[in-house]
Amino acid sequence: MAEQPVKPDDYSDIIDLPHHRSARHAPMERSKRAAQFAPFAALSGYEEVIAAAIKRHEQQTTGDTD
């Protein structure tokens, strides 16, 4: 059986290379690395604005003026 030619998108040339470790920078702590992927509030104050809008709407529909 003939050997298949290497395709340009085949990673066989780099698949067995060792993982790069920086000699200059220490590895990042796991807690700091995890924080990069943690969810965050993209719209700060959004929940408060929504709660205020709901309260205004409820007051308008029930006739409360408190």
N, C-alpha and C. Protein backbone atom coordinates (compact mmCIF):
# COMPACT_ATOMS: atom_id res chain seq x y z
N MET A 1 0.84 -1.18 0.00
CA MET A 1 0.00 0.00 0.00
C MET A 1 0.88 1.24 0.00
N ALA A 2 0.54 2.19 -0.83
CA ALA A 2 1.33 3.42 -0.95
C ALA A 2 1.05 4.35 0.23
N GLU A 3 2.09 5.06 0.67
CA GLU A 3 1.94 5.99 1.78
C GLU A 3 1.20 7.24 1.31
N GLN A 4 0.28 7.72 2.13
CA GLN A 4 -0.50 8.90 1.79
C GLN A 4 0.37 10.16 1.90
N PRO A 5 0.25 11.10 0.95
CA PRO A 5 1.00 12.36 1.08
C PRO A 5 0.45 13.19 2.24
N VAL A 6 1.30 13.99 2.86
CA VAL A 6 0.90 14.83 3.98
C VAL A 6 0.14 16.03 3.44
N LYS A 7 -1.05 16.24 3.97
CA LYS A 7 -1.87 17.37 3.56
C LYS A 7 -1.40 18.62 4.31
N PRO A 8 -1.62 19.81 3.74
CA PRO A 8 -1.20 21.04 4.43
C PRO A 8 -1.89 21.23 5.79
N ASP A 9 -3.11 20.72 5.97
CA ASP A 9 -3.82 20.89 7.24
C ASP A 9 -3.56 19.74 8.22
N ASP A 10 -2.65 18.84 7.86
CA ASP A 10 -2.28 17.74 8.75
C ASP A 10 -1.21 18.26 9.71
N TYR A 11 -1.39 18.03 11.00
CA TYR A 11 -0.48 18.55 12.02
C TYR A 11 0.59 17.54 12.43
N SER A 12 0.84 16.58 11.60
CA SER A 12 1.80 15.54 11.95
C SER A 12 3.22 16.09 12.16
N ASP A 13 3.52 17.23 11.57
CA ASP A 13 4.85 17.80 11.74
C ASP A 13 5.05 18.43 13.11
N ILE A 14 3.98 18.78 13.81
CA ILE A 14 4.11 19.44 15.11
C ILE A 14 3.43 18.68 16.25
N ILE A 15 2.73 17.61 15.93
CA ILE A 15 1.93 16.93 16.95
C ILE A 15 2.77 16.35 18.09
N ASP A 16 3.97 15.97 17.85
CA ASP A 16 4.80 15.37 18.90
C ASP A 16 5.81 16.33 19.51
N LEU A 17 5.72 17.61 19.19
CA LEU A 17 6.64 18.57 19.80
C LEU A 17 6.29 18.77 21.27
N PRO A 18 7.28 19.06 22.11
CA PRO A 18 7.00 19.28 23.53
C PRO A 18 6.23 20.59 23.73
N HIS A 19 5.42 20.63 24.79
CA HIS A 19 4.66 21.83 25.12
C HIS A 19 5.63 22.94 25.54
N HIS A 20 5.41 24.14 25.04
CA HIS A 20 6.30 25.26 25.35
C HIS A 20 6.11 25.72 26.79
N ARG A 21 7.19 25.91 27.49
CA ARG A 21 7.19 26.47 28.85
C ARG A 21 8.12 27.67 28.83
N SER A 22 7.62 28.82 29.24
CA SER A 22 8.42 30.03 29.21
C SER A 22 9.53 29.97 30.25
N ALA A 23 10.71 30.35 29.86
CA ALA A 23 11.83 30.42 30.80
C ALA A 23 11.81 31.76 31.53
N ARG A 24 11.09 32.73 30.98
CA ARG A 24 11.06 34.08 31.53
C ARG A 24 9.90 34.29 32.51
N HIS A 25 8.75 33.70 32.23
CA HIS A 25 7.56 33.94 33.04
C HIS A 25 7.13 32.67 33.76
N ALA A 26 6.80 32.83 35.03
CA ALA A 26 6.29 31.70 35.81
C ALA A 26 4.88 31.37 35.34
N PRO A 27 4.46 30.12 35.47
CA PRO A 27 3.09 29.77 35.08
C PRO A 27 2.07 30.54 35.93
N MET A 28 0.95 30.87 35.32
CA MET A 28 -0.10 31.60 36.02
C MET A 28 -0.76 30.66 37.04
N GLU A 29 -1.12 31.22 38.20
CA GLU A 29 -1.81 30.44 39.22
C GLU A 29 -3.15 29.97 38.67
N ARG A 30 -3.58 28.79 39.10
CA ARG A 30 -4.84 28.24 38.60
C ARG A 30 -6.03 29.14 38.90
N SER A 31 -6.05 29.76 40.07
CA SER A 31 -7.19 30.61 40.43
C SER A 31 -7.26 31.84 39.52
N LYS A 32 -6.10 32.40 39.18
CA LYS A 32 -6.08 33.56 38.27
C LYS A 32 -6.46 33.14 36.85
N ARG A 33 -5.99 31.99 36.45
CA ARG A 33 -6.34 31.51 35.11
C ARG A 33 -7.83 31.23 35.01
N ALA A 34 -8.38 30.63 36.03
CA ALA A 34 -9.81 30.33 36.03
C ALA A 34 -10.63 31.61 36.00
N ALA A 35 -10.15 32.66 36.63
CA ALA A 35 -10.88 33.93 36.66
C ALA A 35 -11.03 34.52 35.27
N GLN A 36 -10.13 34.21 34.37
CA GLN A 36 -10.23 34.73 33.00
C GLN A 36 -11.47 34.20 32.30
N PHE A 37 -11.92 33.02 32.70
CA PHE A 37 -13.04 32.38 32.02
C PHE A 37 -14.32 32.42 32.84
N ALA A 38 -14.29 33.07 34.00
CA ALA A 38 -15.46 33.15 34.85
C ALA A 38 -16.47 34.13 34.25
N PRO A 39 -17.76 33.89 34.48
CA PRO A 39 -18.76 34.82 33.98
C PRO A 39 -18.63 36.17 34.69
N PHE A 40 -19.07 37.21 34.03
CA PHE A 40 -18.99 38.54 34.62
C PHE A 40 -20.23 39.32 34.21
N ALA A 41 -20.52 40.40 34.90
CA ALA A 41 -21.66 41.24 34.59
C ALA A 41 -21.23 42.25 33.54
N ALA A 42 -21.56 41.99 32.30
CA ALA A 42 -21.17 42.89 31.22
C ALA A 42 -21.89 44.23 31.33
N LEU A 43 -23.09 44.20 31.87
CA LEU A 43 -23.88 45.42 32.03
C LEU A 43 -24.08 45.68 33.51
N SER A 44 -23.15 46.38 34.14
CA SER A 44 -23.28 46.65 35.57
C SER A 44 -24.47 47.56 35.81
N GLY A 45 -25.29 47.21 36.80
CA GLY A 45 -26.48 47.98 37.12
C GLY A 45 -27.71 47.55 36.36
N TYR A 46 -27.59 46.60 35.45
CA TYR A 46 -28.71 46.16 34.62
C TYR A 46 -29.84 45.59 35.47
N GLU A 47 -29.49 44.75 36.43
CA GLU A 47 -30.52 44.12 37.28
C GLU A 47 -31.33 45.18 38.03
N GLU A 48 -30.66 46.22 38.53
CA GLU A 48 -31.36 47.27 39.27
C GLU A 48 -32.31 48.04 38.36
N VAL A 49 -31.88 48.32 37.14
CA VAL A 49 -32.73 49.05 36.19
C VAL A 49 -33.97 48.22 35.85
N ILE A 50 -33.79 46.95 35.63
CA ILE A 50 -34.92 46.07 35.32
C ILE A 50 -35.88 46.01 36.50
N ALA A 51 -35.34 45.87 37.71
CA ALA A 51 -36.19 45.81 38.90
C ALA A 51 -36.99 47.11 39.06
N ALA A 52 -36.37 48.25 38.81
CA ALA A 52 -37.06 49.53 38.90
C ALA A 52 -38.14 49.64 37.83
N ALA A 53 -37.88 49.17 36.64
CA ALA A 53 -38.87 49.22 35.56
C ALA A 53 -40.06 48.33 35.89
N ILE A 54 -39.81 47.16 36.46
CA ILE A 54 -40.90 46.27 36.85
C ILE A 54 -41.74 46.92 37.93
N LYS A 55 -41.09 47.53 38.90
CA LYS A 55 -41.81 48.19 39.99
C LYS A 55 -42.68 49.33 39.44
N ARG A 56 -42.14 50.16 38.53
CA ARG A 56 -42.92 51.24 37.92
C ARG A 56 -44.12 50.70 37.16
N HIS A 57 -43.91 49.63 36.42
CA HIS A 57 -44.99 49.03 35.64
C HIS A 57 -46.09 48.50 36.56
N GLU A 58 -45.68 47.84 37.65
CA GLU A 58 -46.66 47.29 38.59
C GLU A 58 -47.44 48.43 39.25
N GLN A 59 -46.76 49.52 39.57
CA GLN A 59 -47.45 50.65 40.18
C GLN A 59 -48.44 51.29 39.21
N GLN A 60 -48.08 51.37 37.95
CA GLN A 60 -48.97 51.95 36.94
C GLN A 60 -50.20 51.08 36.72
N THR A 61 -50.02 49.76 36.74
CA THR A 61 -51.14 48.87 36.47
C THR A 61 -52.05 48.67 37.66
N THR A 62 -51.52 48.83 38.88
CA THR A 62 -52.35 48.64 40.07
C THR A 62 -52.83 49.96 40.66
N GLY A 63 -52.25 51.05 40.23
CA GLY A 63 -52.65 52.37 40.72
C GLY A 63 -51.93 52.79 41.97
N ASP A 64 -50.94 52.01 42.45
CA ASP A 64 -50.16 52.39 43.63
C ASP A 64 -49.27 53.58 43.32
N THR A 65 -49.07 54.46 44.30
CA THR A 65 -48.20 55.62 44.09
C THR A 65 -47.11 55.67 45.15
N ASP A 66 -46.87 54.56 45.85
CA ASP A 66 -45.83 54.53 46.90
C ASP A 66 -44.48 54.67 46.32
